[in-house]
Amino acid sequence: MRQFCLLGHRVPTTPDFSLDALPSEAGRLDILCRAISAAFVLSHDIREDVRVSLVLQDEFTIQFDGSDLRNLNPDERSTAALVRTALEHREDAIGHVPAESSPGVSISRKGFETTLSEAATDSTVVHLHEDGDPIVDIEPPEDPLFVLSDHESFTDAEADLLAEYADHRVSLSPRALHADHAITVAHNYLDTGGFQRY
């Protein structure tokens, strides 16, 4: 299983935003939607062995599971619609018990620490950071959890959590990459056994 944890620092925790104003009204949800698409979408196919956890303002986590995911298209608007539908079900999420909003998509009342600690129990946690060690210096993990932020840097508290949980802090490029591009490079790294098989 390949997992990606995305932090949305300013994405609304209510469904009261327009799908036509994702950069302005929805806390740059457009960036995160591109990242979600990059995690799953192949040419004419979906990666079924992928899970994405989208943490919103350290309050809710929306989880996308590739094995059950339906209605995900490679455009920001339809992905944002899945996020908004999940937020419409937020009252159905009791404690940490998730509420399914559509096939393969659920929402729970979990912040970053809970989401990270639960996923870390059976994953190799990889903190993606432009100042990390080159990714080619580590062996491709079998069950990685890549942690990325949105357009904002990790807060001090988030960085402290990552320092506690991360098995590796790696860089994917000598240049800073957008989250969706970083996910594409991470997939290629895993698909090719560390850039060895093409």
Protein backbone atom coordinates (compact mmCIF):
# COMPACT_ATOMS: atom_id res chain seq x y z
CA MET A 1 0.00 0.00 0.00
CA ARG A 2 1.24 3.44 -0.94
CA GLN A 3 -0.08 6.23 1.22
CA PHE A 4 0.04 10.00 0.98
CA CYS A 5 -0.89 12.38 3.78
CA LEU A 6 -1.71 15.90 2.59
CA LEU A 7 -2.15 18.84 4.96
CA GLY A 8 -4.69 21.49 4.03
CA HIS A 9 -4.09 24.38 6.40
CA ARG A 10 -6.81 26.70 5.12
CA VAL A 11 -9.31 24.40 3.40
CA PRO A 12 -12.79 25.01 4.86
CA THR A 13 -14.18 22.39 7.22
CA THR A 14 -17.72 23.08 6.01
CA PRO A 15 -19.08 22.50 2.49
CA ASP A 16 -19.90 26.18 2.01
CA PHE A 17 -17.57 26.95 -0.87
CA SER A 18 -17.98 27.26 -4.59
CA LEU A 19 -16.43 24.72 -6.92
CA ASP A 20 -15.76 27.65 -9.25
CA ALA A 21 -13.59 29.51 -6.72
CA LEU A 22 -11.24 26.86 -5.29
CA PRO A 23 -8.13 29.07 -5.05
CA SER A 24 -9.90 31.98 -3.35
CA GLU A 25 -12.81 30.54 -1.35
CA ALA A 26 -11.50 27.08 -0.52
CA GLY A 27 -8.03 27.70 0.88
CA ARG A 28 -6.15 26.54 -2.25
CA LEU A 29 -8.08 23.29 -2.41
CA ASP A 30 -7.17 23.36 -6.11
CA ILE A 31 -3.56 22.48 -5.21
CA LEU A 32 -4.66 19.57 -3.04
CA CYS A 33 -7.11 18.28 -5.66
CA ARG A 34 -4.30 18.13 -8.21
CA ALA A 35 -2.25 16.18 -5.67
CA ILE A 36 -5.09 13.72 -5.05
CA SER A 37 -5.47 13.15 -8.80
CA ALA A 38 -1.72 12.62 -9.16
CA ALA A 39 -1.83 9.99 -6.42
CA PHE A 40 -4.48 7.88 -8.17
CA VAL A 41 -4.84 8.62 -11.86
CA LEU A 42 -3.01 6.69 -14.55
CA SER A 43 -3.69 6.78 -18.26
CA HIS A 44 -7.08 5.03 -18.53
CA ASP A 45 -6.74 3.51 -15.06
CA ILE A 46 -6.69 4.13 -11.29
CA ARG A 47 -4.02 3.03 -8.85
CA GLU A 48 -5.91 0.70 -6.52
CA ASP A 49 -3.03 0.23 -4.06
CA VAL A 50 -3.07 3.89 -2.96
CA ARG A 51 -4.64 5.67 0.01
CA VAL A 52 -4.70 9.44 0.46
CA SER A 53 -5.48 11.14 3.76
CA LEU A 54 -6.38 14.81 3.40
CA VAL A 55 -6.13 16.54 6.79
CA LEU A 56 -8.18 19.72 6.96
CA GLN A 57 -7.15 22.36 9.53
CA ASP A 58 -6.07 19.63 11.94
CA GLU A 59 -9.76 18.87 12.55
CA PHE A 60 -11.06 16.45 9.91
CA THR A 61 -9.41 13.81 7.74
CA ILE A 62 -10.95 12.84 4.42
CA GLN A 63 -9.62 9.48 3.24
CA PHE A 64 -9.57 8.23 -0.34
CA ASP A 65 -9.04 4.48 -0.89
CA GLY A 66 -8.10 3.47 -4.40
CA SER A 67 -9.49 -0.05 -4.14
CA ASP A 68 -13.04 1.28 -3.68
CA LEU A 69 -12.78 4.73 -5.24
CA ARG A 70 -15.38 5.75 -7.82
CA ASN A 71 -16.15 8.98 -9.66
CA LEU A 72 -12.62 10.38 -9.47
CA ASN A 73 -11.76 12.22 -12.66
CA PRO A 74 -8.48 13.97 -13.50
CA ASP A 75 -9.79 17.48 -12.96
CA GLU A 76 -9.81 19.73 -9.90
CA ARG A 77 -13.53 20.46 -9.92
CA SER A 78 -14.77 16.86 -9.71
CA THR A 79 -12.20 16.02 -7.03
CA ALA A 80 -13.24 19.11 -5.06
CA ALA A 81 -16.84 17.91 -5.38
CA LEU A 82 -15.84 14.65 -3.64
CA VAL A 83 -14.23 16.70 -0.85
CA ARG A 84 -17.32 18.90 -0.51
CA THR A 85 -19.60 15.86 -0.41
CA ALA A 86 -17.45 14.37 2.34
CA LEU A 87 -17.78 17.61 4.32
CA GLU A 88 -21.55 17.39 3.94
CA HIS A 89 -21.28 14.13 5.95
CA ARG A 90 -19.05 15.54 8.70
CA GLU A 91 -21.85 15.39 11.29
CA ASP A 92 -22.13 11.64 10.65
CA ALA A 93 -18.51 11.14 11.74
CA ILE A 94 -18.67 10.27 15.43
CA GLY A 95 -15.36 10.46 17.26
CA HIS A 96 -12.73 8.72 15.16
CA VAL A 97 -15.30 6.49 13.44
CA PRO A 98 -15.41 7.50 9.76
CA ALA A 99 -18.53 8.24 7.78
CA GLU A 100 -18.54 7.12 4.14
CA SER A 101 -19.64 9.91 1.82
CA SER A 102 -19.19 8.11 -1.53
CA PRO A 103 -17.51 4.89 -2.66
CA GLY A 104 -13.92 4.94 -1.45
CA VAL A 105 -14.24 8.31 0.32
CA SER A 106 -14.84 8.80 4.05
CA ILE A 107 -14.49 11.55 6.63
CA SER A 108 -13.49 11.30 10.28
CA ARG A 109 -12.80 13.68 13.14
CA LYS A 110 -9.07 13.15 13.19
CA GLY A 111 -6.30 15.69 13.20
CA PHE A 112 -2.80 15.31 11.85
CA GLU A 113 -1.30 13.57 14.88
CA THR A 114 -3.96 10.84 15.03
CA THR A 115 -3.92 10.30 11.26
CA LEU A 116 -0.13 10.13 11.21
CA SER A 117 0.23 7.85 14.22
CA GLU A 118 -2.37 5.38 12.92
CA ALA A 119 -0.83 5.20 9.46
CA ALA A 120 2.70 4.93 10.87
CA THR A 121 1.93 1.63 12.61
CA ASP A 122 2.35 -0.34 9.37
CA SER A 123 4.11 2.14 7.08
CA THR A 124 7.52 3.65 6.50
CA VAL A 125 6.95 7.37 7.07
CA VAL A 126 8.71 9.55 4.50
CA HIS A 127 8.73 13.30 5.11
CA LEU A 128 9.08 15.00 1.74
CA HIS A 129 11.10 18.19 2.14
CA GLU A 130 13.22 20.20 -0.28
CA ASP A 131 16.10 20.16 2.23
CA GLY A 132 15.94 16.40 2.86
CA ASP A 133 18.40 13.72 1.82
CA PRO A 134 18.28 12.71 -1.87
CA ILE A 135 15.64 10.03 -2.30
CA VAL A 136 18.07 7.90 -4.32
CA ASP A 137 20.02 7.36 -1.09
CA ILE A 138 17.26 5.20 0.42
CA GLU A 139 15.86 1.87 -0.70
CA PRO A 140 12.27 2.11 -1.95
CA PRO A 141 10.06 1.16 1.03
CA GLU A 142 7.37 -1.47 0.49
CA ASP A 143 4.63 0.39 2.35
CA PRO A 144 5.53 4.08 2.29
CA LEU A 145 3.57 6.95 3.74
CA PHE A 146 4.65 10.20 2.09
CA VAL A 147 3.75 13.35 4.03
CA LEU A 148 3.31 16.65 2.18
CA SER A 149 2.00 20.10 2.96
CA ASP A 150 -0.07 22.40 0.80
CA HIS A 151 1.21 25.82 -0.34
CA GLU A 152 2.14 26.62 3.26
CA SER A 153 5.11 25.22 5.15
CA PHE A 154 4.66 22.75 7.98
CA THR A 155 3.98 24.50 11.28
CA ASP A 156 6.47 24.05 14.11
CA ALA A 157 4.11 21.56 15.79
CA GLU A 158 3.72 19.58 12.55
CA ALA A 159 7.48 19.58 12.00
CA ASP A 160 8.00 18.28 15.55
CA LEU A 161 5.52 15.44 14.91
CA LEU A 162 7.27 14.54 11.69
CA ALA A 163 10.63 14.54 13.45
CA GLU A 164 9.15 12.01 15.88
CA TYR A 165 7.45 9.72 13.36
CA ALA A 166 9.41 10.01 10.12
CA ASP A 167 11.75 7.18 9.17
CA HIS A 168 13.25 9.33 6.40
CA ARG A 169 13.32 13.02 5.42
CA VAL A 170 13.98 13.12 1.71
CA SER A 171 14.10 15.45 -1.24
CA LEU A 172 12.83 14.45 -4.67
CA SER A 173 14.57 17.17 -6.65
CA PRO A 174 17.16 19.92 -6.35
CA ARG A 175 14.26 22.30 -7.06
CA ALA A 176 11.13 22.83 -4.96
CA LEU A 177 8.22 20.90 -6.49
CA HIS A 178 4.49 21.35 -6.28
CA ALA A 179 2.74 18.62 -4.28
CA ASP A 180 1.20 16.97 -7.35
CA HIS A 181 4.56 16.87 -9.13
CA ALA A 182 6.22 15.47 -6.01
CA ILE A 183 3.66 12.67 -5.88
CA THR A 184 4.28 11.84 -9.54
CA VAL A 185 8.04 11.65 -8.92
CA ALA A 186 7.49 9.52 -5.79
CA HIS A 187 5.33 7.09 -7.79
CA ASN A 188 7.99 6.88 -10.51
CA TYR A 189 10.65 6.22 -7.88
CA LEU A 190 8.60 3.31 -6.52
CA ASP A 191 7.43 2.02 -9.92
CA THR A 192 11.02 1.79 -11.15
CA GLY A 193 12.57 0.31 -7.99
CA GLY A 194 14.50 3.48 -7.23
CA PHE A 195 14.84 4.62 -10.85
CA GLN A 196 16.45 1.29 -11.83
CA ARG A 197 13.80 -0.44 -13.99
CA TYR A 198 12.19 1.16 -17.04
